[in-house]
Amino acid sequence: MSMADRDGVIWMDGEMVPWRDAKTHVLTHTLHYGLGCFEGVRAYNTANGPAIFRLKEHTDRLFRSAHILNMKMPFSKDEINEAQRAAVRENNLDEAYLRPMAFLGSEGMGLRADNLKVHVMVAAWSWPSYMSPEAKEMGIKVRTSSYTRHHVNITMCKAKANGNYINSMLALNEAISGGAEEALLLDNEGYVAEGSGENIFIMRDGVLHTPELTSCLEGITRATIMDFARELNIPIKERRITRDEVYIADEAFFTGTAAEVLPIRELDGRVIGAGKRGPVTEKLQAMYFDAVKGKLAEHSGWL
């Protein structure tokens, strides 16, 4: 089904508009130059109805991204939060993927990007898991990309910026064409950075390791998993990780709003651990799905 040809409504600049009428001009500045920012958010069906997971944190990151890109948000955080709730509610969704985005309009053209209005939209639709149910248990095949992840002084890595994802798309398409299901990108010094749209963790000798946040995005699912690891008294180290350390890890997994908690069974033809989801990954994954479904009372504030 086309993303443009659907029933429902989309929030645009403060009002709900019919889905098929949610349009912008072909000379929209962000369409040409990629300067914009967005979030990927999920709502899950809970015993109390649909609930958006970690809405506040996602909206906070959207505003941080806009600030980094020097985009003046025309709405408050409360307004954007309510727009996301309304997008789920007005589209009668039990579970949903949400896409809030801030972009520059068609008031002008050119790299100076002056006198441009910042527009904001929020869409919500039903989007099942990023990978198959089998992948959540058996894991996925990953290939190290020939594309390098962004350098911190080439683009702004703490912003979830539209244009940054050209790098991700090239890496992912390369991995898929080579028979893998995801890509692993290295930073400009050759250390492990992240997947095309996910953070990475490895488990080795009872310690959970994840790359330090340099060229990596500050993942909200990443932070959630680290909270769970602390609750389980699993030691965590944020540090530089080499590609061959992933080869010899006991377990490895990706995290992200779209990917959720996704085991890695193989990297570059090397089987990782037992070649399927490991026990720590399984425990953290179960805690995550309990949390998003509202089954962890101690984390009810995330919904």
C-alpha atoms as a PDB file:
ATOM      1  CA  MET A   1       0.000   0.000   0.000  1.00  0.00           C
ATOM      2  CA  SER A   2       1.302   3.460  -0.909  1.00  0.00           C
ATOM      3  CA  MET A   3       2.201   5.658   2.049  1.00  0.00           C
ATOM      4  CA  ALA A   4       0.356   8.506   0.289  1.00  0.00           C
ATOM      5  CA  ASP A   5      -2.878   6.667  -0.512  1.00  0.00           C
ATOM      6  CA  ARG A   6      -4.392   5.767   2.846  1.00  0.00           C
ATOM      7  CA  ASP A   7      -7.369   6.600   4.983  1.00  0.00           C
ATOM      8  CA  GLY A   8      -6.839   8.560   8.163  1.00  0.00           C
ATOM      9  CA  VAL A   9      -5.429  11.910   9.239  1.00  0.00           C
ATOM     10  CA  ILE A  10      -1.998  13.489   9.688  1.00  0.00           C
ATOM     11  CA  TRP A  11      -1.158  16.366  12.023  1.00  0.00           C
ATOM     12  CA  MET A  12       0.415  19.235  10.096  1.00  0.00           C
ATOM     13  CA  ASP A  13       1.350  22.588  11.613  1.00  0.00           C
ATOM     14  CA  GLY A  14      -1.232  22.436  14.339  1.00  0.00           C
ATOM     15  CA  GLU A  15      -4.214  20.785  12.676  1.00  0.00           C
ATOM     16  CA  MET A  16      -5.358  17.395  11.516  1.00  0.00           C
ATOM     17  CA  VAL A  17      -5.681  17.070   7.741  1.00  0.00           C
ATOM     18  CA  PRO A  18      -6.958  14.137   5.680  1.00  0.00           C
ATOM     19  CA  TRP A  19      -4.149  11.681   4.954  1.00  0.00           C
ATOM     20  CA  ARG A  20      -4.268  12.144   1.170  1.00  0.00           C
ATOM     21  CA  ASP A  21      -4.206  15.940   1.539  1.00  0.00           C
ATOM     22  CA  ALA A  22      -1.063  16.026   3.702  1.00  0.00           C
ATOM     23  CA  LYS A  23       1.140  17.473   0.975  1.00  0.00           C
ATOM     24  CA  THR A  24       3.978  19.931   0.573  1.00  0.00           C
ATOM     25  CA  HIS A  25       5.470  21.724  -2.438  1.00  0.00           C
ATOM     26  CA  VAL A  26       8.155  20.132  -4.642  1.00  0.00           C
ATOM     27  CA  LEU A  27      10.416  23.107  -3.858  1.00  0.00           C
ATOM     28  CA  THR A  28      10.305  22.396  -0.135  1.00  0.00           C
ATOM     29  CA  HIS A  29      13.807  23.200   1.103  1.00  0.00           C
ATOM     30  CA  THR A  30      14.313  20.017   3.129  1.00  0.00           C
ATOM     31  CA  LEU A  31      13.404  17.891   0.097  1.00  0.00           C
ATOM     32  CA  HIS A  32      16.362  19.431  -1.760  1.00  0.00           C
ATOM     33  CA  TYR A  33      19.026  19.787   0.933  1.00  0.00           C
ATOM     34  CA  GLY A  34      18.061  17.302   3.669  1.00  0.00           C
ATOM     35  CA  LEU A  35      18.115  19.720   6.605  1.00  0.00           C
ATOM     36  CA  GLY A  36      15.377  18.479   8.882  1.00  0.00           C
ATOM     37  CA  CYS A  37      14.976  16.242  11.897  1.00  0.00           C
ATOM     38  CA  PHE A  38      12.624  13.490  12.892  1.00  0.00           C
ATOM     39  CA  GLU A  39      11.818  10.789  15.409  1.00  0.00           C
ATOM     40  CA  GLY A  40      10.723   7.183  15.171  1.00  0.00           C
ATOM     41  CA  VAL A  41       8.301   6.403  18.000  1.00  0.00           C
ATOM     42  CA  ARG A  42       6.133   3.395  18.828  1.00  0.00           C
ATOM     43  CA  ALA A  43       2.800   3.000  20.540  1.00  0.00           C
ATOM     44  CA  TYR A  44       1.921  -0.412  21.962  1.00  0.00           C
ATOM     45  CA  ASN A  45      -1.352  -1.986  23.015  1.00  0.00           C
ATOM     46  CA  THR A  46      -1.478  -2.307  26.806  1.00  0.00           C
ATOM     47  CA  ALA A  47      -4.115  -3.371  29.310  1.00  0.00           C
ATOM     48  CA  ASN A  48      -5.108   0.298  29.499  1.00  0.00           C
ATOM     49  CA  GLY A  49      -5.265   0.788  25.749  1.00  0.00           C
ATOM     50  CA  PRO A  50      -2.633   2.110  23.338  1.00  0.00           C
ATOM     51  CA  ALA A  51       0.316   3.861  24.986  1.00  0.00           C
ATOM     52  CA  ILE A  52       3.304   5.618  23.446  1.00  0.00           C
ATOM     53  CA  PHE A  53       6.617   4.297  24.770  1.00  0.00           C
ATOM     54  CA  ARG A  54       8.978   6.944  26.158  1.00  0.00           C
ATOM     55  CA  LEU A  55       7.153   9.789  24.426  1.00  0.00           C
ATOM     56  CA  LYS A  56       8.844  12.476  26.513  1.00  0.00           C
ATOM     57  CA  GLU A  57      12.325  11.209  25.693  1.00  0.00           C
ATOM     58  CA  HIS A  58      11.594  11.073  21.973  1.00  0.00           C
ATOM     59  CA  THR A  59      10.180  14.581  21.929  1.00  0.00           C
ATOM     60  CA  ASP A  60      13.120  15.872  23.959  1.00  0.00           C
ATOM     61  CA  ARG A  61      15.502  14.395  21.390  1.00  0.00           C
ATOM     62  CA  LEU A  62      13.502  15.918  18.524  1.00  0.00           C
ATOM     63  CA  PHE A  63      13.905  19.344  20.099  1.00  0.00           C
ATOM     64  CA  ARG A  64      17.615  18.739  20.746  1.00  0.00           C
ATOM     65  CA  SER A  65      18.040  17.794  17.098  1.00  0.00           C
ATOM     66  CA  ALA A  66      16.246  20.945  15.983  1.00  0.00           C
ATOM     67  CA  HIS A  67      18.431  23.059  18.275  1.00  0.00           C
ATOM     68  CA  ILE A  68      21.618  21.476  16.902  1.00  0.00           C
ATOM     69  CA  LEU A  69      20.430  22.198  13.353  1.00  0.00           C
ATOM     70  CA  ASN A  70      19.464  25.755  14.363  1.00  0.00           C
ATOM     71  CA  MET A  71      15.809  25.179  13.557  1.00  0.00           C
ATOM     72  CA  LYS A  72      13.413  27.194  15.707  1.00  0.00           C
ATOM     73  CA  MET A  73      10.553  24.908  16.684  1.00  0.00           C
ATOM     74  CA  PRO A  74       7.205  26.699  16.269  1.00  0.00           C
ATOM     75  CA  PHE A  75       5.408  24.455  18.774  1.00  0.00           C
ATOM     76  CA  SER A  76       6.051  23.516  22.385  1.00  0.00           C
ATOM     77  CA  LYS A  77       7.004  20.054  23.554  1.00  0.00           C
ATOM     78  CA  ASP A  78       3.584  19.669  25.127  1.00  0.00           C
ATOM     79  CA  GLU A  79       1.931  20.484  21.801  1.00  0.00           C
ATOM     80  CA  ILE A  80       4.062  17.939  19.948  1.00  0.00           C
ATOM     81  CA  ASN A  81       3.354  15.309  22.595  1.00  0.00           C
ATOM     82  CA  GLU A  82      -0.369  15.890  22.301  1.00  0.00           C
ATOM     83  CA  ALA A  83      -0.124  15.817  18.500  1.00  0.00           C
ATOM     84  CA  GLN A  84       1.398  12.338  18.730  1.00  0.00           C
ATOM     85  CA  ARG A  85      -1.296  11.126  21.113  1.00  0.00           C
ATOM     86  CA  ALA A  86      -3.938  12.578  18.798  1.00  0.00           C
ATOM     87  CA  ALA A  87      -2.402  10.915  15.731  1.00  0.00           C
ATOM     88  CA  VAL A  88      -2.782   7.506  17.387  1.00  0.00           C
ATOM     89  CA  ARG A  89      -6.230   8.290  18.745  1.00  0.00           C
ATOM     90  CA  GLU A  90      -7.716   9.880  15.614  1.00  0.00           C
ATOM     91  CA  ASN A  91      -6.492   7.033  13.414  1.00  0.00           C
ATOM     92  CA  ASN A  92      -8.022   4.429  15.766  1.00  0.00           C
ATOM     93  CA  LEU A  93      -4.737   2.561  16.166  1.00  0.00           C
ATOM     94  CA  ASP A  94      -4.140  -0.057  18.853  1.00  0.00           C
ATOM     95  CA  GLU A  95      -0.432  -0.151  18.005  1.00  0.00           C
ATOM     96  CA  ALA A  96       1.423   2.310  15.833  1.00  0.00           C
ATOM     97  CA  TYR A  97       4.660   3.645  14.488  1.00  0.00           C
ATOM     98  CA  LEU A  98       4.823   7.436  14.749  1.00  0.00           C
ATOM     99  CA  ARG A  99       6.875   9.843  12.678  1.00  0.00           C
ATOM    100  CA  PRO A 100       7.142  13.403  13.966  1.00  0.00           C
ATOM    101  CA  MET A 101       9.312  15.543  11.707  1.00  0.00           C
ATOM    102  CA  ALA A 102      10.418  19.167  11.525  1.00  0.00           C
ATOM    103  CA  PHE A 103      11.333  20.477   8.078  1.00  0.00           C
ATOM    104  CA  LEU A 104      12.054  23.727   6.242  1.00  0.00           C
ATOM    105  CA  GLY A 105       9.411  24.985   3.862  1.00  0.00           C
ATOM    106  CA  SER A 106       9.316  26.329   0.313  1.00  0.00           C
ATOM    107  CA  GLU A 107       9.664  29.999   1.243  1.00  0.00           C
ATOM    108  CA  GLY A 108      13.090  30.130  -0.400  1.00  0.00           C
ATOM    109  CA  MET A 109      15.917  28.148  -1.967  1.00  0.00           C
ATOM    110  CA  GLY A 110      19.683  28.021  -1.542  1.00  0.00           C
ATOM    111  CA  LEU A 111      22.220  26.988   1.061  1.00  0.00           C
ATOM    112  CA  ARG A 112      21.812  30.106   3.172  1.00  0.00           C
ATOM    113  CA  ALA A 113      18.454  28.740   4.264  1.00  0.00           C
ATOM    114  CA  ASP A 114      17.340  32.161   5.466  1.00  0.00           C
ATOM    115  CA  ASN A 115      13.764  33.371   5.857  1.00  0.00           C
ATOM    116  CA  LEU A 116      12.472  29.807   5.896  1.00  0.00           C
ATOM    117  CA  LYS A 117       9.586  28.635   8.027  1.00  0.00           C
ATOM    118  CA  VAL A 118       9.946  25.509  10.159  1.00  0.00           C
ATOM    119  CA  HIS A 119       7.019  23.171   9.621  1.00  0.00           C
ATOM    120  CA  VAL A 120       6.134  20.175  11.818  1.00  0.00           C
ATOM    121  CA  MET A 121       4.149  17.063  10.991  1.00  0.00           C
ATOM    122  CA  VAL A 122       3.163  13.922  12.882  1.00  0.00           C
ATOM    123  CA  ALA A 123       1.945  10.751  11.172  1.00  0.00           C
ATOM    124  CA  ALA A 124       0.983   7.447  12.783  1.00  0.00           C
ATOM    125  CA  TRP A 125       0.290   4.141  11.095  1.00  0.00           C
ATOM    126  CA  SER A 126       0.312   0.427  11.717  1.00  0.00           C
ATOM    127  CA  TRP A 127       3.819  -0.900  11.087  1.00  0.00           C
ATOM    128  CA  PRO A 128       4.654  -4.395  12.366  1.00  0.00           C
ATOM    129  CA  SER A 129       8.053  -5.406  13.655  1.00  0.00           C
ATOM    130  CA  TYR A 130      11.129  -4.472  11.650  1.00  0.00           C
ATOM    131  CA  MET A 131      12.105  -8.129  11.344  1.00  0.00           C
ATOM    132  CA  SER A 132      10.214 -11.417  11.384  1.00  0.00           C
ATOM    133  CA  PRO A 133       9.198 -13.092  14.665  1.00  0.00           C
ATOM    134  CA  GLU A 134      11.770 -15.796  13.900  1.00  0.00           C
ATOM    135  CA  ALA A 135      14.523 -13.194  13.752  1.00  0.00           C
ATOM    136  CA  LYS A 136      13.788 -12.134  17.328  1.00  0.00           C
ATOM    137  CA  GLU A 137      14.762 -15.623  18.447  1.00  0.00           C
ATOM    138  CA  MET A 138      17.227 -16.891  15.857  1.00  0.00           C
ATOM    139  CA  GLY A 139      18.922 -13.579  15.125  1.00  0.00           C
ATOM    140  CA  ILE A 140      20.011 -11.980  11.866  1.00  0.00           C
ATOM    141  CA  LYS A 141      22.975 -12.001   9.510  1.00  0.00           C
ATOM    142  CA  VAL A 142      24.965  -8.774   9.479  1.00  0.00           C
ATOM    143  CA  ARG A 143      27.692  -7.489   7.186  1.00  0.00           C
ATOM    144  CA  THR A 144      30.305  -4.858   7.983  1.00  0.00           C
ATOM    145  CA  SER A 145      29.720  -1.979   5.611  1.00  0.00           C
ATOM    146  CA  SER A 146      32.243  -0.455   3.251  1.00  0.00           C
ATOM    147  CA  TYR A 147      30.647   2.876   4.153  1.00  0.00           C
ATOM    148  CA  THR A 148      32.065   4.710   7.164  1.00  0.00           C
ATOM    149  CA  ARG A 149      29.745   6.169   9.802  1.00  0.00           C
ATOM    150  CA  HIS A 150      29.680   9.948  10.108  1.00  0.00           C
ATOM    151  CA  HIS A 151      32.588  11.796  11.657  1.00  0.00           C
ATOM    152  CA  VAL A 152      31.581  14.125  14.497  1.00  0.00           C
ATOM    153  CA  ASN A 153      32.879  17.183  12.636  1.00  0.00           C
ATOM    154  CA  ILE A 154      31.459  16.278   9.238  1.00  0.00           C
ATOM    155  CA  THR A 155      27.848  16.177  10.355  1.00  0.00           C
ATOM    156  CA  MET A 156      26.099  16.584  13.656  1.00  0.00           C
ATOM    157  CA  CYS A 157      25.865  13.043  15.024  1.00  0.00           C
ATOM    158  CA  LYS A 158      23.707  13.924  18.036  1.00  0.00           C
ATOM    159  CA  ALA A 159      20.964  15.183  15.722  1.00  0.00           C
ATOM    160  CA  LYS A 160      18.553  12.668  14.242  1.00  0.00           C
ATOM    161  CA  ALA A 161      18.785  14.581  10.979  1.00  0.00           C
ATOM    162  CA  ASN A 162      17.083  13.620   7.739  1.00  0.00           C
ATOM    163  CA  GLY A 163      20.196  13.900   5.592  1.00  0.00           C
ATOM    164  CA  ASN A 164      22.261  11.688   7.891  1.00  0.00           C
ATOM    165  CA  TYR A 165      20.261   8.676   6.738  1.00  0.00           C
ATOM    166  CA  ILE A 166      21.689   8.677   3.207  1.00  0.00           C
ATOM    167  CA  ASN A 167      24.672   6.955   4.821  1.00  0.00           C
ATOM    168  CA  SER A 168      22.361   4.423   6.466  1.00  0.00           C
ATOM    169  CA  MET A 169      20.458   3.637   3.283  1.00  0.00           C
ATOM    170  CA  LEU A 170      23.629   3.064   1.263  1.00  0.00           C
ATOM    171  CA  ALA A 171      25.008   0.747   3.951  1.00  0.00           C
ATOM    172  CA  LEU A 172      21.783  -1.214   4.348  1.00  0.00           C
ATOM    173  CA  ASN A 173      21.246  -1.668   0.618  1.00  0.00           C
ATOM    174  CA  GLU A 174      24.826  -2.883   0.267  1.00  0.00           C
ATOM    175  CA  ALA A 175      24.323  -5.402   3.100  1.00  0.00           C
ATOM    176  CA  ILE A 176      21.063  -6.715   1.649  1.00  0.00           C
ATOM    177  CA  SER A 177      22.560  -7.061  -1.824  1.00  0.00           C
ATOM    178  CA  GLY A 178      25.336  -9.143  -0.245  1.00  0.00           C
ATOM    179  CA  GLY A 179      22.884 -11.562   1.384  1.00  0.00           C
ATOM    180  CA  ALA A 180      22.799 -10.043   4.861  1.00  0.00           C
ATOM    181  CA  GLU A 181      19.841  -8.503   6.665  1.00  0.00           C
ATOM    182  CA  GLU A 182      21.559  -5.538   8.285  1.00  0.00           C
ATOM    183  CA  ALA A 183      24.746  -3.507   8.120  1.00  0.00           C
ATOM    184  CA  LEU A 184      27.319  -2.738  10.782  1.00  0.00           C
ATOM    185  CA  LEU A 185      29.067   0.584  10.260  1.00  0.00           C
ATOM    186  CA  LEU A 186      32.502   1.475  11.588  1.00  0.00           C
ATOM    187  CA  ASP A 187      33.578   4.977  12.536  1.00  0.00           C
ATOM    188  CA  ASN A 188      36.299   6.908  10.711  1.00  0.00           C
ATOM    189  CA  GLU A 189      38.985   5.243  12.857  1.00  0.00           C
ATOM    190  CA  GLY A 190      37.722   1.740  12.146  1.00  0.00           C
ATOM    191  CA  TYR A 191      35.939   1.074  15.436  1.00  0.00           C
ATOM    192  CA  VAL A 192      32.398  -0.268  15.655  1.00  0.00           C
ATOM    193  CA  ALA A 193      29.796   2.497  15.569  1.00  0.00           C
ATOM    194  CA  GLU A 194      26.255   1.186  15.023  1.00  0.00           C
ATOM    195  CA  GLY A 195      23.860  -0.438  12.594  1.00  0.00           C
ATOM    196  CA  SER A 196      22.092   1.435   9.828  1.00  0.00           C
ATOM    197  CA  GLY A 197      19.442   2.529  12.314  1.00  0.00           C
ATOM    198  CA  GLU A 198      20.303   0.728  15.549  1.00  0.00           C
ATOM    199  CA  ASN A 199      22.776   0.798  18.409  1.00  0.00           C
ATOM    200  CA  ILE A 200      24.788  -2.371  19.064  1.00  0.00           C
ATOM    201  CA  PHE A 201      25.667  -4.294  22.216  1.00  0.00           C
ATOM    202  CA  ILE A 202      27.923  -7.295  22.724  1.00  0.00           C
ATOM    203  CA  MET A 203      28.088  -9.628  25.706  1.00  0.00           C
ATOM    204  CA  ARG A 204      31.481 -11.039  26.602  1.00  0.00           C
ATOM    205  CA  ASP A 205      32.629 -12.779  29.798  1.00  0.00           C
ATOM    206  CA  GLY A 206      29.633 -11.509  31.773  1.00  0.00           C
ATOM    207  CA  VAL A 207      30.073  -7.871  30.783  1.00  0.00           C
ATOM    208  CA  LEU A 208      27.807  -5.898  28.451  1.00  0.00           C
ATOM    209  CA  HIS A 209      29.739  -3.662  26.060  1.00  0.00           C
ATOM    210  CA  THR A 210      28.473  -0.916  23.752  1.00  0.00           C
ATOM    211  CA  PRO A 211      30.297   1.731  21.707  1.00  0.00           C
ATOM    212  CA  GLU A 212      30.771   5.118  23.294  1.00  0.00           C
ATOM    213  CA  LEU A 213      28.568   7.867  21.919  1.00  0.00           C
ATOM    214  CA  THR A 214      30.753   9.679  19.436  1.00  0.00           C
ATOM    215  CA  SER A 215      29.456   9.045  15.928  1.00  0.00           C
ATOM    216  CA  CYS A 216      26.509   7.069  17.339  1.00  0.00           C
ATOM    217  CA  LEU A 217      23.039   8.425  17.920  1.00  0.00           C
ATOM    218  CA  GLU A 218      21.923   8.596  21.557  1.00  0.00           C
ATOM    219  CA  GLY A 219      19.444   5.768  21.268  1.00  0.00           C
ATOM    220  CA  ILE A 220      16.407   5.743  23.538  1.00  0.00           C
ATOM    221  CA  THR A 221      16.106   1.963  23.314  1.00  0.00           C
ATOM    222  CA  ARG A 222      19.842   1.819  24.056  1.00  0.00           C
ATOM    223  CA  ALA A 223      19.282   3.782  27.260  1.00  0.00           C
ATOM    224  CA  THR A 224      16.339   1.537  28.176  1.00  0.00           C
ATOM    225  CA  ILE A 225      18.437  -1.626  27.798  1.00  0.00           C
ATOM    226  CA  MET A 226      21.220  -0.110  29.885  1.00  0.00           C
ATOM    227  CA  ASP A 227      18.705   0.624  32.643  1.00  0.00           C
ATOM    228  CA  PHE A 228      17.572  -3.013  32.557  1.00  0.00           C
ATOM    229  CA  ALA A 229      21.167  -4.263  32.656  1.00  0.00           C
ATOM    230  CA  ARG A 230      21.826  -2.199  35.778  1.00  0.00           C
ATOM    231  CA  GLU A 231      18.707  -3.647  37.412  1.00  0.00           C
ATOM    232  CA  LEU A 232      20.065  -7.129  36.653  1.00  0.00           C
ATOM    233  CA  ASN A 233      23.502  -6.158  38.035  1.00  0.00           C
ATOM    234  CA  ILE A 234      25.130  -6.773  34.672  1.00  0.00           C
ATOM    235  CA  PRO A 235      28.331  -4.698  34.365  1.00  0.00           C
ATOM    236  CA  ILE A 236      28.260  -2.238  31.441  1.00  0.00           C
ATOM    237  CA  LYS A 237      31.206  -0.734  29.614  1.00  0.00           C
ATOM    238  CA  GLU A 238      30.871   2.057  27.058  1.00  0.00           C
ATOM    239  CA  ARG A 239      34.057   1.978  25.042  1.00  0.00           C
ATOM    240  CA  ARG A 240      35.659   1.549  21.661  1.00  0.00           C
ATOM    241  CA  ILE A 241      34.979  -1.881  20.187  1.00  0.00           C
ATOM    242  CA  THR A 242      36.797  -3.490  17.285  1.00  0.00           C
ATOM    243  CA  ARG A 243      35.078  -5.514  14.610  1.00  0.00           C
ATOM    244  CA  ASP A 244      36.873  -8.722  15.556  1.00  0.00           C
ATOM    245  CA  GLU A 245      35.636  -8.344  19.143  1.00  0.00           C
ATOM    246  CA  VAL A 246      32.120  -8.730  17.788  1.00  0.00           C
ATOM    247  CA  TYR A 247      33.203 -11.930  16.010  1.00  0.00           C
ATOM    248  CA  ILE A 248      34.260 -13.508  19.317  1.00  0.00           C
ATOM    249  CA  ALA A 249      31.458 -12.118  21.507  1.00  0.00           C
ATOM    250  CA  ASP A 250      29.287 -14.511  23.484  1.00  0.00           C
ATOM    251  CA  GLU A 251      26.202 -12.606  22.306  1.00  0.00           C
ATOM    252  CA  ALA A 252      25.430  -9.559  20.198  1.00  0.00           C
ATOM    253  CA  PHE A 253      22.267  -7.615  19.522  1.00  0.00           C
ATOM    254  CA  PHE A 254      20.914  -4.418  18.002  1.00  0.00           C
ATOM    255  CA  THR A 255      18.535  -2.003  19.708  1.00  0.00           C
ATOM    256  CA  GLY A 256      16.256   0.652  18.258  1.00  0.00           C
ATOM    257  CA  THR A 257      12.649   1.800  18.190  1.00  0.00           C
ATOM    258  CA  ALA A 258      12.029   0.086  14.854  1.00  0.00           C
ATOM    259  CA  ALA A 259      14.267  -2.952  15.464  1.00  0.00           C
ATOM    260  CA  GLU A 260      13.379  -3.181  19.191  1.00  0.00           C
ATOM    261  CA  VAL A 261      15.836  -5.788  20.612  1.00  0.00           C
ATOM    262  CA  LEU A 262      17.217  -7.862  17.761  1.00  0.00           C
ATOM    263  CA  PRO A 263      19.800 -10.653  18.185  1.00  0.00           C
ATOM    264  CA  ILE A 264      22.754 -10.916  15.790  1.00  0.00           C
ATOM    265  CA  ARG A 265      23.659 -14.496  14.935  1.00  0.00           C
ATOM    266  CA  GLU A 266      26.380 -13.853  12.381  1.00  0.00           C
ATOM    267  CA  LEU A 267      28.734 -11.056  11.315  1.00  0.00           C
ATOM    268  CA  ASP A 268      30.779 -11.266   8.116  1.00  0.00           C
ATOM    269  CA  GLY A 269      30.283 -15.031   7.930  1.00  0.00           C
ATOM    270  CA  ARG A 270      31.425 -15.603  11.527  1.00  0.00           C
ATOM    271  CA  VAL A 271      28.859 -17.195  13.829  1.00  0.00           C
ATOM    272  CA  ILE A 272      28.480 -15.278  17.087  1.00  0.00           C
ATOM    273  CA  GLY A 273      28.160 -17.368  20.231  1.00  0.00           C
ATOM    274  CA  ALA A 274      25.661 -20.190  19.786  1.00  0.00           C
ATOM    275  CA  GLY A 275      24.431 -18.743  16.505  1.00  0.00           C
ATOM    276  CA  LYS A 276      21.107 -17.602  17.935  1.00  0.00           C
ATOM    277  CA  ARG A 277      19.703 -15.399  20.685  1.00  0.00           C
ATOM    278  CA  GLY A 278      21.763 -15.747  23.844  1.00  0.00           C
ATOM    279  CA  PRO A 279      20.426 -15.920  27.434  1.00  0.00           C
ATOM    280  CA  VAL A 280      21.242 -12.317  28.356  1.00  0.00           C
ATOM    281  CA  THR A 281      19.778 -11.008  25.111  1.00  0.00           C
ATOM    282  CA  GLU A 282      16.664 -13.092  25.769  1.00  0.00           C
ATOM    283  CA  LYS A 283      16.269 -11.677  29.276  1.00  0.00           C
ATOM    284  CA  LEU A 284      16.765  -8.065  28.188  1.00  0.00           C
ATOM    285  CA  GLN A 285      14.459  -8.572  25.211  1.00  0.00           C
ATOM    286  CA  ALA A 286      11.732 -10.004  27.464  1.00  0.00           C
ATOM    287  CA  MET A 287      12.050  -7.072  29.860  1.00  0.00           C
ATOM    288  CA  TYR A 288      11.789  -4.664  26.968  1.00  0.00           C
ATOM    289  CA  PHE A 289       8.611  -6.198  25.578  1.00  0.00           C
ATOM    290  CA  ASP A 290       7.109  -6.346  29.063  1.00  0.00           C
ATOM    291  CA  ALA A 291       7.916  -2.658  29.547  1.00  0.00           C
ATOM    292  CA  VAL A 292       6.393  -1.481  26.263  1.00  0.00           C
ATOM    293  CA  LYS A 293       3.255  -3.523  26.975  1.00  0.00           C
ATOM    294  CA  GLY A 294       2.854  -1.953  30.403  1.00  0.00           C
ATOM    295  CA  LYS A 295       3.690  -5.124  32.325  1.00  0.00           C
ATOM    296  CA  LEU A 296       6.522  -3.614  34.405  1.00  0.00           C
ATOM    297  CA  ALA A 297       4.914  -1.521  37.120  1.00  0.00           C
ATOM    298  CA  GLU A 298       8.245  -0.007  38.105  1.00  0.00           C
ATOM    299  CA  HIS A 299       8.532   1.504  34.613  1.00  0.00           C
ATOM    300  CA  SER A 300       4.942   2.587  34.103  1.00  0.00           C
ATOM    301  CA  GLY A 301       6.212   6.158  33.810  1.00  0.00           C
ATOM    302  CA  TRP A 302       7.686   5.308  30.406  1.00  0.00           C
ATOM    303  CA  LEU A 303       4.171   4.961  28.965  1.00  0.00           C
END
